[in-house]
C-alpha atoms as a PDB file:
ATOM      1  CA  MET A   1      62.656 120.741  98.435  1.00  0.00           C
ATOM      2  CA  GLN A   2      64.693 123.953  98.305  1.00  0.00           C
ATOM      3  CA  ASP A   3      66.530 125.091  95.151  1.00  0.00           C
ATOM      4  CA  PHE A   4      70.004 125.022  96.701  1.00  0.00           C
ATOM      5  CA  PHE A   5      71.826 123.700  99.751  1.00  0.00           C
ATOM      6  CA  VAL A   6      74.512 125.631 101.647  1.00  0.00           C
ATOM      7  CA  CYS A   7      77.461 123.524 102.851  1.00  0.00           C
ATOM      8  CA  ASP A   8      77.962 124.713 106.425  1.00  0.00           C
ATOM      9  CA  PHE A   9      78.666 121.597 108.478  1.00  0.00           C
ATOM     10  CA  PHE A  10      82.059 122.018 110.100  1.00  0.00           C
ATOM     11  CA  ALA A  11      84.125 118.807 110.074  1.00  0.00           C
ATOM     12  CA  ALA A  12      81.363 116.672 108.517  1.00  0.00           C
ATOM     13  CA  VAL A  13      82.198 112.954 108.576  1.00  0.00           C
ATOM     14  CA  PRO A  14      83.696 111.958 105.169  1.00  0.00           C
ATOM     15  CA  LYS A  15      81.359 109.744 103.145  1.00  0.00           C
ATOM     16  CA  HIS A  16      81.544 108.279  99.638  1.00  0.00           C
ATOM     17  CA  ASP A  17      78.903 106.675  97.438  1.00  0.00           C
ATOM     18  CA  LEU A  18      78.977 102.883  97.118  1.00  0.00           C
ATOM     19  CA  ALA A  19      79.044 102.764  93.316  1.00  0.00           C
ATOM     20  CA  SER A  20      82.146 104.961  93.042  1.00  0.00           C
ATOM     21  CA  MET A  21      83.878 102.843  95.691  1.00  0.00           C
ATOM     22  CA  GLU A  22      83.042  99.583  93.925  1.00  0.00           C
ATOM     23  CA  HIS A  23      83.673 100.532  90.284  1.00  0.00           C
ATOM     24  CA  PRO A  24      86.741 102.149  88.629  1.00  0.00           C
ATOM     25  CA  ILE A  25      85.129 105.427  87.619  1.00  0.00           C
ATOM     26  CA  PHE A  26      88.088 107.692  88.393  1.00  0.00           C
ATOM     27  CA  SER A  27      91.507 107.690  86.789  1.00  0.00           C
ATOM     28  CA  LEU A  28      94.548 106.694  88.847  1.00  0.00           C
ATOM     29  CA  SER A  29      96.842 108.614  86.504  1.00  0.00           C
ATOM     30  CA  THR A  30      98.389 111.936  87.489  1.00  0.00           C
ATOM     31  CA  ARG A  31      98.630 112.899  83.803  1.00  0.00           C
ATOM     32  CA  PRO A  32      95.677 113.752  81.541  1.00  0.00           C
ATOM     33  CA  ASP A  33      93.898 110.463  80.858  1.00  0.00           C
ATOM     34  CA  ARG A  34      91.889 110.685  77.636  1.00  0.00           C
ATOM     35  CA  ARG A  35      91.165 106.977  77.166  1.00  0.00           C
ATOM     36  CA  VAL A  36      87.580 105.759  76.874  1.00  0.00           C
ATOM     37  CA  VAL A  37      87.334 103.036  79.537  1.00  0.00           C
ATOM     38  CA  THR A  38      84.821 100.171  79.529  1.00  0.00           C
ATOM     39  CA  TYR A  39      84.406  97.958  82.585  1.00  0.00           C
ATOM     40  CA  GLU A  40      82.202  94.901  83.059  1.00  0.00           C
ATOM     41  CA  HIS A  41      81.803  92.878  86.257  1.00  0.00           C
ATOM     42  CA  ASN A  42      78.964  90.740  87.630  1.00  0.00           C
ATOM     43  CA  GLY A  43      76.328  92.188  85.323  1.00  0.00           C
ATOM     44  CA  THR A  44      77.398  95.792  85.711  1.00  0.00           C
ATOM     45  CA  THR A  45      78.662  97.665  82.665  1.00  0.00           C
ATOM     46  CA  LEU A  46      80.404 101.011  82.891  1.00  0.00           C
ATOM     47  CA  THR A  47      81.826 103.232  80.163  1.00  0.00           C
ATOM     48  CA  VAL A  48      83.754 106.358  81.140  1.00  0.00           C
ATOM     49  CA  THR A  49      84.337 108.935  78.406  1.00  0.00           C
ATOM     50  CA  PRO A  50      86.681 111.831  79.246  1.00  0.00           C
ATOM     51  CA  SER A  51      86.680 115.325  77.768  1.00  0.00           C
ATOM     52  CA  VAL A  52      89.706 116.924  76.128  1.00  0.00           C
ATOM     53  CA  LYS A  53      90.712 117.984  79.661  1.00  0.00           C
ATOM     54  CA  GLY A  54      91.073 114.317  80.607  1.00  0.00           C
ATOM     55  CA  ARG A  55      89.155 111.900  82.788  1.00  0.00           C
ATOM     56  CA  ALA A  56      88.305 112.921  86.359  1.00  0.00           C
ATOM     57  CA  THR A  57      90.930 111.610  88.771  1.00  0.00           C
ATOM     58  CA  ILE A  58      90.598 109.906  92.133  1.00  0.00           C
ATOM     59  CA  PHE A  59      91.751 113.195  93.698  1.00  0.00           C
ATOM     60  CA  ASP A  60      89.028 115.124  91.831  1.00  0.00           C
ATOM     61  CA  ALA A  61      86.553 112.808  93.573  1.00  0.00           C
ATOM     62  CA  ASP A  62      87.392 114.635  96.835  1.00  0.00           C
ATOM     63  CA  ILE A  63      84.957 117.340  95.718  1.00  0.00           C
ATOM     64  CA  LEU A  64      82.155 114.794  95.432  1.00  0.00           C
ATOM     65  CA  ILE A  65      83.081 113.247  98.796  1.00  0.00           C
ATOM     66  CA  PHE A  66      82.911 116.705 100.400  1.00  0.00           C
ATOM     67  CA  CYS A  67      79.481 117.333  98.866  1.00  0.00           C
ATOM     68  CA  ILE A  68      78.149 113.893  99.823  1.00  0.00           C
ATOM     69  CA  SER A  69      79.432 114.353 103.384  1.00  0.00           C
ATOM     70  CA  GLN A  70      77.672 117.701 103.709  1.00  0.00           C
ATOM     71  CA  LEU A  71      74.401 116.347 102.335  1.00  0.00           C
ATOM     72  CA  MET A  72      74.467 113.303 104.614  1.00  0.00           C
ATOM     73  CA  ALA A  73      75.191 115.481 107.656  1.00  0.00           C
ATOM     74  CA  ALA A  74      72.121 117.556 106.762  1.00  0.00           C
ATOM     75  CA  LEU A  75      69.897 114.509 106.195  1.00  0.00           C
ATOM     76  CA  ASN A  76      70.959 113.100 109.558  1.00  0.00           C
ATOM     77  CA  VAL A  77      69.601 116.167 111.359  1.00  0.00           C
ATOM     78  CA  GLY A  78      66.469 116.437 109.227  1.00  0.00           C
ATOM     79  CA  ARG A  79      67.451 119.385 107.051  1.00  0.00           C
ATOM     80  CA  ALA A  80      66.185 119.836 103.501  1.00  0.00           C
ATOM     81  CA  VAL A  81      68.785 119.166 100.793  1.00  0.00           C
ATOM     82  CA  SER A  82      69.220 119.824  97.097  1.00  0.00           C
ATOM     83  CA  ARG A  83      71.606 118.551  94.438  1.00  0.00           C
ATOM     84  CA  ARG A  84      72.665 122.171  93.871  1.00  0.00           C
ATOM     85  CA  LEU A  85      75.171 123.063  96.577  1.00  0.00           C
ATOM     86  CA  THR A  86      76.877 126.310  97.502  1.00  0.00           C
ATOM     87  CA  LEU A  87      80.180 125.922  99.298  1.00  0.00           C
ATOM     88  CA  THR A  88      83.188 127.933 100.369  1.00  0.00           C
ATOM     89  CA  ALA A  89      86.237 126.980  98.342  1.00  0.00           C
ATOM     90  CA  HIS A  90      88.545 127.488 101.325  1.00  0.00           C
ATOM     91  CA  ASP A  91      86.466 125.077 103.445  1.00  0.00           C
ATOM     92  CA  LEU A  92      86.556 122.438 100.723  1.00  0.00           C
ATOM     93  CA  LEU A  93      90.324 122.723 100.347  1.00  0.00           C
ATOM     94  CA  GLN A  94      90.898 122.502 104.088  1.00  0.00           C
ATOM     95  CA  ALA A  95      88.504 119.592 104.593  1.00  0.00           C
ATOM     96  CA  THR A  96      90.220 117.562 101.866  1.00  0.00           C
ATOM     97  CA  ASN A  97      93.750 118.340 103.077  1.00  0.00           C
ATOM     98  CA  ARG A  98      94.682 120.532 100.097  1.00  0.00           C
ATOM     99  CA  GLU A  99      96.767 123.658  99.836  1.00  0.00           C
ATOM    100  CA  THR A 100      94.881 126.940 100.116  1.00  0.00           C
ATOM    101  CA  SER A 101      97.460 128.751  97.987  1.00  0.00           C
ATOM    102  CA  GLY A 102      96.814 130.230  94.567  1.00  0.00           C
ATOM    103  CA  ASP A 103      97.915 126.953  92.976  1.00  0.00           C
ATOM    104  CA  GLY A 104      95.441 125.096  95.178  1.00  0.00           C
ATOM    105  CA  TYR A 105      92.552 127.190  93.856  1.00  0.00           C
ATOM    106  CA  LYS A 106      93.787 126.772  90.281  1.00  0.00           C
ATOM    107  CA  ARG A 107      93.872 122.990  90.667  1.00  0.00           C
ATOM    108  CA  LEU A 108      90.379 123.092  92.178  1.00  0.00           C
ATOM    109  CA  ARG A 109      89.028 124.787  89.059  1.00  0.00           C
ATOM    110  CA  GLU A 110      90.757 122.187  86.861  1.00  0.00           C
ATOM    111  CA  ALA A 111      89.148 119.436  88.940  1.00  0.00           C
ATOM    112  CA  PHE A 112      85.686 120.939  88.365  1.00  0.00           C
ATOM    113  CA  GLU A 113      86.354 121.010  84.623  1.00  0.00           C
ATOM    114  CA  ARG A 114      87.333 117.321  84.561  1.00  0.00           C
ATOM    115  CA  LEU A 115      84.358 116.303  86.719  1.00  0.00           C
ATOM    116  CA  ALA A 116      81.907 118.165  84.474  1.00  0.00           C
ATOM    117  CA  GLY A 117      83.540 116.832  81.300  1.00  0.00           C
ATOM    118  CA  THR A 118      83.726 113.164  82.283  1.00  0.00           C
ATOM    119  CA  ARG A 119      80.683 111.261  81.019  1.00  0.00           C
ATOM    120  CA  ILE A 120      79.407 107.990  82.469  1.00  0.00           C
ATOM    121  CA  THR A 121      77.210 105.416  80.749  1.00  0.00           C
ATOM    122  CA  THR A 122      76.176 102.655  83.119  1.00  0.00           C
ATOM    123  CA  ASN A 123      73.528 100.297  84.432  1.00  0.00           C
ATOM    124  CA  ILE A 124      74.759 100.595  88.033  1.00  0.00           C
ATOM    125  CA  THR A 125      71.996 100.121  90.600  1.00  0.00           C
ATOM    126  CA  THR A 126      71.423 102.889  93.139  1.00  0.00           C
ATOM    127  CA  GLY A 127      68.604 102.938  95.647  1.00  0.00           C
ATOM    128  CA  GLY A 128      67.432  99.479  94.566  1.00  0.00           C
ATOM    129  CA  THR A 129      66.682 100.507  90.959  1.00  0.00           C
ATOM    130  CA  GLU A 130      68.703  99.630  87.849  1.00  0.00           C
ATOM    131  CA  VAL A 131      68.741 102.316  85.181  1.00  0.00           C
ATOM    132  CA  THR A 132      70.988 102.487  82.124  1.00  0.00           C
ATOM    133  CA  SER A 133      71.848 106.126  81.659  1.00  0.00           C
ATOM    134  CA  GLY A 134      74.469 108.633  80.606  1.00  0.00           C
ATOM    135  CA  PHE A 135      75.483 111.646  82.656  1.00  0.00           C
ATOM    136  CA  GLY A 136      78.348 113.812  83.840  1.00  0.00           C
ATOM    137  CA  LEU A 137      79.778 113.385  87.323  1.00  0.00           C
ATOM    138  CA  ILE A 138      78.559 116.906  88.010  1.00  0.00           C
ATOM    139  CA  GLU A 139      75.982 118.746  85.952  1.00  0.00           C
ATOM    140  CA  SER A 140      77.378 122.255  86.322  1.00  0.00           C
ATOM    141  CA  TRP A 141      79.623 124.476  88.412  1.00  0.00           C
ATOM    142  CA  GLU A 142      80.132 128.191  89.019  1.00  0.00           C
ATOM    143  CA  ILE A 143      82.867 130.161  90.757  1.00  0.00           C
ATOM    144  CA  VAL A 144      82.273 133.530  92.405  1.00  0.00           C
ATOM    145  CA  ARG A 145      85.272 135.825  92.949  1.00  0.00           C
ATOM    146  CA  LYS A 146      85.603 139.050  94.914  1.00  0.00           C
ATOM    147  CA  ALA A 147      87.087 140.880  91.954  1.00  0.00           C
ATOM    148  CA  ARG A 148      88.489 140.081  88.532  1.00  0.00           C
ATOM    149  CA  GLY A 149      91.415 137.725  88.995  1.00  0.00           C
ATOM    150  CA  GLY A 150      90.795 137.543  92.731  1.00  0.00           C
ATOM    151  CA  ARG A 151      90.575 134.451  94.927  1.00  0.00           C
ATOM    152  CA  MET A 152      87.472 132.261  94.847  1.00  0.00           C
ATOM    153  CA  VAL A 153      84.879 133.289  97.408  1.00  0.00           C
ATOM    154  CA  SER A 154      82.265 130.611  96.812  1.00  0.00           C
ATOM    155  CA  VAL A 155      81.497 127.773  94.451  1.00  0.00           C
ATOM    156  CA  THR A 156      78.147 126.437  93.336  1.00  0.00           C
ATOM    157  CA  VAL A 157      78.043 122.875  92.048  1.00  0.00           C
ATOM    158  CA  THR A 158      75.112 120.819  90.786  1.00  0.00           C
ATOM    159  CA  LEU A 159      75.532 117.077  91.280  1.00  0.00           C
ATOM    160  CA  SER A 160      74.239 114.554  88.770  1.00  0.00           C
ATOM    161  CA  GLU A 161      70.769 113.218  89.542  1.00  0.00           C
ATOM    162  CA  TRP A 162      72.316 109.726  89.720  1.00  0.00           C
ATOM    163  CA  LEU A 163      74.718 110.728  92.481  1.00  0.00           C
ATOM    164  CA  PHE A 164      72.072 112.731  94.348  1.00  0.00           C
ATOM    165  CA  GLN A 165      69.740 109.704  94.368  1.00  0.00           C
ATOM    166  CA  ALA A 166      72.564 107.621  95.849  1.00  0.00           C
ATOM    167  CA  VAL A 167      72.744 110.138  98.711  1.00  0.00           C
ATOM    168  CA  LEU A 168      68.979 110.206  99.250  1.00  0.00           C
ATOM    169  CA  SER A 169      68.905 106.386  99.391  1.00  0.00           C
ATOM    170  CA  ARG A 170      71.874 106.506 101.797  1.00  0.00           C
ATOM    171  CA  SER A 171      73.948 104.308  99.489  1.00  0.00           C
ATOM    172  CA  VAL A 172      77.119 105.670 101.089  1.00  0.00           C
ATOM    173  CA  LEU A 173      79.876 104.557 103.436  1.00  0.00           C
ATOM    174  CA  THR A 174      81.942 106.476 105.986  1.00  0.00           C
ATOM    175  CA  LEU A 175      85.642 106.955 105.180  1.00  0.00           C
ATOM    176  CA  SER A 176      88.589 107.371 107.507  1.00  0.00           C
ATOM    177  CA  ARG A 177      89.576 111.021 107.958  1.00  0.00           C
ATOM    178  CA  ASP A 178      93.070 109.897 106.949  1.00  0.00           C
ATOM    179  CA  TYR A 179      91.749 109.121 103.460  1.00  0.00           C
ATOM    180  CA  PHE A 180      92.606 112.645 102.306  1.00  0.00           C
ATOM    181  CA  ARG A 181      96.179 112.233 103.554  1.00  0.00           C
ATOM    182  CA  MET A 182      96.885 109.396 101.127  1.00  0.00           C
ATOM    183  CA  ARG A 183      98.852 110.801  98.201  1.00  0.00           C
ATOM    184  CA  LYS A 184      99.207 107.628  96.108  1.00  0.00           C
ATOM    185  CA  PRO A 185      96.196 107.008  93.820  1.00  0.00           C
ATOM    186  CA  LEU A 186      96.415 103.213  94.164  1.00  0.00           C
ATOM    187  CA  GLU A 187      96.441 103.465  97.976  1.00  0.00           C
ATOM    188  CA  ARG A 188      93.192 105.418  97.859  1.00  0.00           C
ATOM    189  CA  ARG A 189      91.607 102.957  95.448  1.00  0.00           C
ATOM    190  CA  ILE A 190      92.633  99.901  97.502  1.00  0.00           C
ATOM    191  CA  TYR A 191      91.272 101.590 100.627  1.00  0.00           C
ATOM    192  CA  GLU A 192      87.925 102.263  98.928  1.00  0.00           C
ATOM    193  CA  LEU A 193      87.614  98.622  97.874  1.00  0.00           C
ATOM    194  CA  ALA A 194      88.659  97.363 101.307  1.00  0.00           C
ATOM    195  CA  ARG A 195      86.105  99.646 102.965  1.00  0.00           C
ATOM    196  CA  LYS A 196      83.391  98.495 100.566  1.00  0.00           C
ATOM    197  CA  HIS A 197      84.119  94.756 100.810  1.00  0.00           C
ATOM    198  CA  CYS A 198      85.269  94.317 104.401  1.00  0.00           C
ATOM    199  CA  GLY A 199      82.400  96.186 105.994  1.00  0.00           C
ATOM    200  CA  ARG A 200      81.864  94.491 109.341  1.00  0.00           C
ATOM    201  CA  GLN A 201      83.737  91.378 108.227  1.00  0.00           C
ATOM    202  CA  ALA A 202      87.129  90.562 109.674  1.00  0.00           C
ATOM    203  CA  GLU A 203      88.804  90.189 106.269  1.00  0.00           C
ATOM    204  CA  TRP A 204      88.446  90.184 102.474  1.00  0.00           C
ATOM    205  CA  SER A 205      90.451  88.103  99.996  1.00  0.00           C
ATOM    206  CA  VAL A 206      90.708  88.774  96.267  1.00  0.00           C
ATOM    207  CA  SER A 207      92.928  87.570  93.436  1.00  0.00           C
ATOM    208  CA  VAL A 208      95.523  90.048  92.218  1.00  0.00           C
ATOM    209  CA  ALA A 209      94.097  89.823  88.678  1.00  0.00           C
ATOM    210  CA  VAL A 210      90.558  90.688  89.804  1.00  0.00           C
ATOM    211  CA  LEU A 211      91.871  93.434  92.074  1.00  0.00           C
ATOM    212  CA  ALA A 212      93.780  95.013  89.173  1.00  0.00           C
ATOM    213  CA  LYS A 213      90.532  95.076  87.177  1.00  0.00           C
ATOM    214  CA  LYS A 214      88.516  96.532  90.063  1.00  0.00           C
ATOM    215  CA  THR A 215      91.052  99.300  90.729  1.00  0.00           C
ATOM    216  CA  GLY A 216      91.145 100.318  87.073  1.00  0.00           C
ATOM    217  CA  SER A 217      94.934 100.004  87.025  1.00  0.00           C
ATOM    218  CA  THR A 218      96.541 100.057  83.575  1.00  0.00           C
ATOM    219  CA  SER A 219      99.864  98.640  84.822  1.00  0.00           C
ATOM    220  CA  PRO A 220     100.993  95.141  83.754  1.00  0.00           C
ATOM    221  CA  ILE A 221     100.097  92.533  86.396  1.00  0.00           C
ATOM    222  CA  ARG A 222     103.751  92.090  87.436  1.00  0.00           C
ATOM    223  CA  VAL A 223     104.072  95.851  88.023  1.00  0.00           C
ATOM    224  CA  PHE A 224     100.708  95.978  89.804  1.00  0.00           C
ATOM    225  CA  ARG A 225     101.796  93.081  92.036  1.00  0.00           C
ATOM    226  CA  ALA A 226     105.034  94.895  92.868  1.00  0.00           C
ATOM    227  CA  MET A 227     103.070  98.009  93.867  1.00  0.00           C
ATOM    228  CA  LEU A 228     100.892  95.914  96.164  1.00  0.00           C
ATOM    229  CA  ARG A 229     103.978  94.413  97.800  1.00  0.00           C
ATOM    230  CA  GLU A 230     105.354  97.906  98.395  1.00  0.00           C
ATOM    231  CA  MET A 231     102.067  98.896 100.038  1.00  0.00           C
ATOM    232  CA  ILE A 232     102.268  95.801 102.256  1.00  0.00           C
ATOM    233  CA  ARG A 233     105.801  96.768 103.345  1.00  0.00           C
ATOM    234  CA  GLU A 234     104.859 100.394 104.016  1.00  0.00           C
ATOM    235  CA  ASN A 235     101.723  99.378 105.968  1.00  0.00           C
ATOM    236  CA  ARG A 236     100.120 102.832 105.752  1.00  0.00           C
ATOM    237  CA  LEU A 237      96.561 101.950 104.731  1.00  0.00           C
ATOM    238  CA  PRO A 238      94.056 103.434 107.218  1.00  0.00           C
ATOM    239  CA  ASP A 239      91.928 100.853 109.073  1.00  0.00           C
ATOM    240  CA  TYR A 240      93.261  97.822 107.179  1.00  0.00           C
ATOM    241  CA  LEU A 241      96.255  95.491 106.962  1.00  0.00           C
ATOM    242  CA  MET A 242      97.292  93.901 103.674  1.00  0.00           C
ATOM    243  CA  SER A 243      99.032  90.553 103.220  1.00  0.00           C
ATOM    244  CA  GLU A 244      99.991  88.334 100.299  1.00  0.00           C
ATOM    245  CA  GLU A 245      98.610  84.791 100.302  1.00  0.00           C
ATOM    246  CA  PRO A 246      99.448  81.690  98.215  1.00  0.00           C
ATOM    247  CA  GLY A 247      97.740  81.511  94.833  1.00  0.00           C
ATOM    248  CA  ASP A 248      98.364  85.186  93.964  1.00  0.00           C
ATOM    249  CA  ILE A 249      95.771  86.335  96.515  1.00  0.00           C
ATOM    250  CA  LEU A 250      95.690  89.583  98.447  1.00  0.00           C
ATOM    251  CA  ARG A 251      94.103  89.442 101.891  1.00  0.00           C
ATOM    252  CA  VAL A 252      92.855  92.597 103.573  1.00  0.00           C
ATOM    253  CA  THR A 253      92.178  92.451 107.312  1.00  0.00           C
ATOM    254  CA  SER A 254      90.462  95.062 109.451  1.00  0.00           C
ATOM    255  CA  ARG A 255      92.964  96.485 111.945  1.00  0.00           C
ATOM    256  CA  ALA A 256      90.178  96.415 114.545  1.00  0.00           C
ATOM    257  CA  ALA A 257      90.104  92.636 114.177  1.00  0.00           C
ATOM    258  CA  VAL A 258      93.849  92.252 114.801  1.00  0.00           C
ATOM    259  CA  LEU A 259      94.361  91.238 118.418  1.00  0.00           C
ATOM    260  CA  GLU A 260      97.780  91.224 120.023  1.00  0.00           C
ATOM    261  CA  PRO A 261      98.664  88.320 122.336  1.00  0.00           C
ATOM    262  CA  GLY A 262      96.917  88.877 125.652  1.00  0.00           C
ATOM    263  CA  ASP A 263      94.355  91.300 124.181  1.00  0.00           C
ATOM    264  CA  GLY A 264      90.667  90.653 124.376  1.00  0.00           C
ATOM    265  CA  PRO A 265      88.313  88.805 126.740  1.00  0.00           C
ATOM    266  CA  HIS A 266      89.691  85.706 128.468  1.00  0.00           C
ATOM    267  CA  LEU A 267      87.602  82.561 128.861  1.00  0.00           C
ATOM    268  CA  ARG A 268      87.694  79.839 131.517  1.00  0.00           C
ATOM    269  CA  PRO A 269      88.537  76.253 130.445  1.00  0.00           C
ATOM    270  CA  GLU A 270      85.076  75.152 131.624  1.00  0.00           C
ATOM    271  CA  THR A 271      83.529  77.620 129.168  1.00  0.00           C
ATOM    272  CA  LEU A 272      85.353  75.987 126.266  1.00  0.00           C
ATOM    273  CA  ASP A 273      84.156  72.579 127.497  1.00  0.00           C
ATOM    274  CA  GLU A 274      80.576  73.826 127.476  1.00  0.00           C
ATOM    275  CA  ALA A 275      81.090  75.200 123.946  1.00  0.00           C
ATOM    276  CA  ARG A 276      82.157  71.688 122.851  1.00  0.00           C
ATOM    277  CA  ASN A 277      78.869  70.341 124.186  1.00  0.00           C
ATOM    278  CA  LEU A 278      76.917  73.016 122.317  1.00  0.00           C
ATOM    279  CA  LEU A 279      78.753  72.394 119.022  1.00  0.00           C
ATOM    280  CA  PRO A 280      80.013  68.785 119.031  1.00  0.00           C
ATOM    281  CA  GLY A 281      83.023  68.308 116.769  1.00  0.00           C
ATOM    282  CA  ALA A 282      83.770  72.039 116.466  1.00  0.00           C
ATOM    283  CA  ASP A 283      87.255  73.455 117.058  1.00  0.00           C
ATOM    284  CA  VAL A 284      86.484  75.541 120.136  1.00  0.00           C
ATOM    285  CA  HIS A 285      89.820  77.369 119.974  1.00  0.00           C
ATOM    286  CA  ALA A 286      89.022  78.481 116.422  1.00  0.00           C
ATOM    287  CA  LEU A 287      85.572  79.521 117.640  1.00  0.00           C
ATOM    288  CA  GLN A 288      87.178  81.497 120.456  1.00  0.00           C
ATOM    289  CA  ALA A 289      89.458  83.294 117.968  1.00  0.00           C
ATOM    290  CA  GLU A 290      86.512  84.083 115.676  1.00  0.00           C
ATOM    291  CA  TRP A 291      84.456  85.404 118.597  1.00  0.00           C
ATOM    292  CA  ARG A 292      87.347  87.590 119.757  1.00  0.00           C
ATOM    293  CA  ARG A 293      87.607  89.084 116.231  1.00  0.00           C
ATOM    294  CA  TRP A 294      83.841  89.718 116.255  1.00  0.00           C
ATOM    295  CA  TRP A 295      84.190  91.424 119.652  1.00  0.00           C
ATOM    296  CA  ALA A 296      86.996  93.629 118.302  1.00  0.00           C
ATOM    297  CA  LEU A 297      84.985  94.631 115.220  1.00  0.00           C
ATOM    298  CA  SER A 298      81.936  95.470 117.343  1.00  0.00           C
ATOM    299  CA  GLY A 299      83.905  98.125 119.229  1.00  0.00           C
ATOM    300  CA  ARG A 300      85.763  96.135 121.934  1.00  0.00           C
ATOM    301  CA  LYS A 301      83.096  96.952 124.498  1.00  0.00           C
ATOM    302  CA  GLN A 302      83.627  96.035 128.134  1.00  0.00           C
ATOM    303  CA  LEU A 303      81.965  92.704 128.941  1.00  0.00           C
ATOM    304  CA  ARG A 304      80.564  91.987 132.411  1.00  0.00           C
ATOM    305  CA  SER A 305      80.749  88.261 131.763  1.00  0.00           C
ATOM    306  CA  PRO A 306      82.917  87.266 128.773  1.00  0.00           C
ATOM    307  CA  ASP A 307      82.107  83.582 129.354  1.00  0.00           C
ATOM    308  CA  ARG A 308      78.359  84.164 129.218  1.00  0.00           C
ATOM    309  CA  ALA A 309      78.731  86.422 126.160  1.00  0.00           C
ATOM    310  CA  PHE A 310      80.838  83.810 124.336  1.00  0.00           C
ATOM    311  CA  LEU A 311      78.398  80.990 125.045  1.00  0.00           C
ATOM    312  CA  GLY A 312      75.500  83.168 123.901  1.00  0.00           C
ATOM    313  CA  TRP A 313      77.363  83.791 120.635  1.00  0.00           C
ATOM    314  CA  VAL A 314      78.055  80.054 120.251  1.00  0.00           C
ATOM    315  CA  ARG A 315      74.351  79.288 120.735  1.00  0.00           C
ATOM    316  CA  THR A 316      73.526  81.561 117.800  1.00  0.00           C
ATOM    317  CA  ARG A 317      75.885  79.396 115.717  1.00  0.00           C
ATOM    318  CA  SER A 318      74.129  76.200 116.789  1.00  0.00           C
ATOM    319  CA  ALA A 319      70.614  77.521 116.152  1.00  0.00           C
END
């Protein structure tokens, strides 16, 4: 394996590691967050210890997403990779929808400092192995300038071994390119959780209390609930729709699974009758709706015979 990897994939597909999407590693605060945070859920323990510069933020994580995306693009074409990456600062800023002004470069340096200073102690499983360990989000970083005080030319960053192993084991998920356009920290965090939990499912439901814990929000539940309701009204989350359900539950539905009246394959009445024979006692109209959602999630491909496809799907349910 080579000593360093050059980030040179133009418009690489954004990807994030599963552990960061599932657990509240990054701060949602826009002010320096110097609290030591401990999180426990379903056997996973996580302690995040910031430096005097503050805990790494969810916007700082853009740097890691850029690096992960570049590494995955290389792996997909069979190129050798390393956890030490050399990248062009301008490319990183553009790819993550950031300003390329002097302030943009200054904020990039501050992000590197927070990423290197934030320490994680965890037993999170990556690549099928559970290891309790402590590490920084990045091991080191270096900025090269043209001249003293000049603009950054290139940046070298060394990822933690933990994060690099997540990439090698392909423990990552693709993000919407609109992810970098979201300017509210909670919107980004809700999107990450929706992406992680919905997957190929039509929807995901979670209690507001559990969701507050999973996001890492420090707001009182009533304030957190109000923020969720504002997000529901604004309806700006990429790929997903949010709705409030009885029992203080938030439901997240894949937009691909939302079918307008008249959309989707149409079935003959005789097909529904045959479905009743295949699954006696089943609500065939509910089955039809579920199948149409599955069709939407699978890419809404053109069907030569929707009736035959539906009955084939029903038979898999009766097997």
